[in-house]
Amino acid sequence: MDDADEVFLNAKPIGGGGALPPDYESAYNMERTYPIPSGMIDFDGDNVIAVRVFDAWQVGGIYEGPIGLVTRQHYRRRNYRHT
């Protein structure tokens, strides 16, 4: 993600990196992992993920993966962390 972001599930914040204006702070090289708290997923209806991204310079946004929704066990097994 380049440069700063806020992520929401069903209109509730679940994570973010850096800071959007007016207090802009870049987090372009920060790994993003946003656990979803238990009870936030609506298993009987629709769920909406919204990503707000701010880019201050050149190419920005969601530019590199892996990107996905995975269980904690799958995340650990596949080691999605960039090292």
C-alpha atoms as a PDB file:
ATOM      1  CA  MET A   1       0.000   0.000   0.000  1.00  0.00           C
ATOM      2  CA  ASP A   2       1.358   3.386  -0.928  1.00  0.00           C
ATOM      3  CA  ASP A   3       1.265   5.733   1.043  1.00  0.00           C
ATOM      4  CA  ALA A   4      -1.383   5.735   3.797  1.00  0.00           C
ATOM      5  CA  ASP A   5      -4.586   3.751   4.268  1.00  0.00           C
ATOM      6  CA  GLU A   6      -7.622   3.110   6.409  1.00  0.00           C
ATOM      7  CA  VAL A   7      -9.534  -0.180   6.159  1.00  0.00           C
ATOM      8  CA  PHE A   8     -13.127  -0.764   7.227  1.00  0.00           C
ATOM      9  CA  LEU A   9     -15.377  -3.805   7.512  1.00  0.00           C
ATOM     10  CA  ASN A  10     -19.083  -3.013   7.496  1.00  0.00           C
ATOM     11  CA  ALA A  11     -18.286   0.671   8.172  1.00  0.00           C
ATOM     12  CA  LYS A  12     -16.166  -0.118  11.248  1.00  0.00           C
ATOM     13  CA  PRO A  13     -12.387   0.461  11.222  1.00  0.00           C
ATOM     14  CA  ILE A  14     -10.203  -2.656  11.329  1.00  0.00           C
ATOM     15  CA  GLY A  15      -6.796  -1.195  10.502  1.00  0.00           C
ATOM     16  CA  GLY A  16      -4.640   1.311   8.750  1.00  0.00           C
ATOM     17  CA  GLY A  17      -1.110   2.386   8.040  1.00  0.00           C
ATOM     18  CA  GLY A  18       0.373   5.852   8.130  1.00  0.00           C
ATOM     19  CA  ALA A  19      -1.966   8.812   8.440  1.00  0.00           C
ATOM     20  CA  LEU A  20      -4.204  10.542   5.935  1.00  0.00           C
ATOM     21  CA  PRO A  21      -4.209  14.344   5.572  1.00  0.00           C
ATOM     22  CA  PRO A  22      -4.228  16.752   7.232  1.00  0.00           C
ATOM     23  CA  ASP A  23      -1.739  14.880   9.458  1.00  0.00           C
ATOM     24  CA  TYR A  24      -0.214  12.959   6.560  1.00  0.00           C
ATOM     25  CA  GLU A  25       2.380  10.323   7.389  1.00  0.00           C
ATOM     26  CA  SER A  26       3.644   7.806   4.843  1.00  0.00           C
ATOM     27  CA  ALA A  27       3.763   4.082   5.548  1.00  0.00           C
ATOM     28  CA  TYR A  28       4.533   2.997   1.981  1.00  0.00           C
ATOM     29  CA  ASN A  29       6.914   0.211   2.989  1.00  0.00           C
ATOM     30  CA  MET A  30       4.958  -1.091   5.989  1.00  0.00           C
ATOM     31  CA  GLU A  31       3.451  -4.575   5.859  1.00  0.00           C
ATOM     32  CA  ARG A  32      -0.321  -4.491   6.280  1.00  0.00           C
ATOM     33  CA  THR A  33      -2.105  -7.236   8.208  1.00  0.00           C
ATOM     34  CA  TYR A  34      -5.540  -6.451   9.610  1.00  0.00           C
ATOM     35  CA  PRO A  35      -7.104  -9.120  11.816  1.00  0.00           C
ATOM     36  CA  ILE A  36     -10.897  -9.056  11.841  1.00  0.00           C
ATOM     37  CA  PRO A  37     -12.250  -9.101  15.400  1.00  0.00           C
ATOM     38  CA  SER A  38     -14.634 -11.944  16.169  1.00  0.00           C
ATOM     39  CA  GLY A  39     -18.238 -10.979  15.784  1.00  0.00           C
ATOM     40  CA  MET A  40     -17.682  -8.392  13.010  1.00  0.00           C
ATOM     41  CA  ILE A  41     -18.580 -10.670  10.102  1.00  0.00           C
ATOM     42  CA  ASP A  42     -22.260 -10.918   9.209  1.00  0.00           C
ATOM     43  CA  PHE A  43     -22.631 -14.583   8.279  1.00  0.00           C
ATOM     44  CA  ASP A  44     -26.310 -14.057   7.389  1.00  0.00           C
ATOM     45  CA  GLY A  45     -25.882 -11.058   5.101  1.00  0.00           C
ATOM     46  CA  ASP A  46     -23.509  -9.023   3.006  1.00  0.00           C
ATOM     47  CA  ASN A  47     -20.157  -7.755   4.253  1.00  0.00           C
ATOM     48  CA  VAL A  48     -18.420  -4.716   2.797  1.00  0.00           C
ATOM     49  CA  ILE A  49     -14.678  -4.085   2.911  1.00  0.00           C
ATOM     50  CA  ALA A  50     -13.694  -0.482   2.157  1.00  0.00           C
ATOM     51  CA  VAL A  51     -10.124   0.699   1.688  1.00  0.00           C
ATOM     52  CA  ARG A  52      -9.315   4.402   1.729  1.00  0.00           C
ATOM     53  CA  VAL A  53      -5.878   5.156   0.290  1.00  0.00           C
ATOM     54  CA  PHE A  54      -3.940   8.409   0.073  1.00  0.00           C
ATOM     55  CA  ASP A  55      -0.896   8.739  -2.171  1.00  0.00           C
ATOM     56  CA  ALA A  56       1.353  11.786  -1.961  1.00  0.00           C
ATOM     57  CA  TRP A  57       3.826  10.994  -4.711  1.00  0.00           C
ATOM     58  CA  GLN A  58       4.019   9.056  -8.006  1.00  0.00           C
ATOM     59  CA  VAL A  59       2.393   5.627  -8.276  1.00  0.00           C
ATOM     60  CA  GLY A  60       0.235   4.717  -5.288  1.00  0.00           C
ATOM     61  CA  GLY A  61      -2.587   2.588  -3.991  1.00  0.00           C
ATOM     62  CA  ILE A  62      -2.723  -1.166  -3.604  1.00  0.00           C
ATOM     63  CA  TYR A  63       0.259  -2.148  -5.705  1.00  0.00           C
ATOM     64  CA  GLU A  64       1.718  -5.399  -4.441  1.00  0.00           C
ATOM     65  CA  GLY A  65       0.512  -8.658  -2.917  1.00  0.00           C
ATOM     66  CA  PRO A  66      -0.275 -11.120  -1.751  1.00  0.00           C
ATOM     67  CA  ILE A  67      -3.711  -9.698  -1.081  1.00  0.00           C
ATOM     68  CA  GLY A  68      -6.533 -11.719   0.391  1.00  0.00           C
ATOM     69  CA  LEU A  69      -8.830 -12.741   3.191  1.00  0.00           C
ATOM     70  CA  VAL A  70      -7.466 -15.759   4.988  1.00  0.00           C
ATOM     71  CA  THR A  71      -7.911 -17.531   8.283  1.00  0.00           C
ATOM     72  CA  ARG A  72      -5.282 -17.022  10.954  1.00  0.00           C
ATOM     73  CA  GLN A  73      -4.152 -20.632  10.494  1.00  0.00           C
ATOM     74  CA  HIS A  74      -3.813 -20.193   6.732  1.00  0.00           C
ATOM     75  CA  TYR A  75      -1.872 -16.956   7.230  1.00  0.00           C
ATOM     76  CA  ARG A  76       0.587 -18.664   9.551  1.00  0.00           C
ATOM     77  CA  ARG A  77       0.910 -21.745   7.341  1.00  0.00           C
ATOM     78  CA  ARG A  78       1.472 -19.761   4.133  1.00  0.00           C
ATOM     79  CA  ASN A  79       3.611 -17.119   5.862  1.00  0.00           C
ATOM     80  CA  TYR A  80       2.150 -14.110   4.059  1.00  0.00           C
ATOM     81  CA  ARG A  81       4.543 -11.806   5.873  1.00  0.00           C
ATOM     82  CA  HIS A  82       7.120 -10.113   3.665  1.00  0.00           C
ATOM     83  CA  THR A  83      10.530 -10.830   5.132  1.00  0.00           C
END
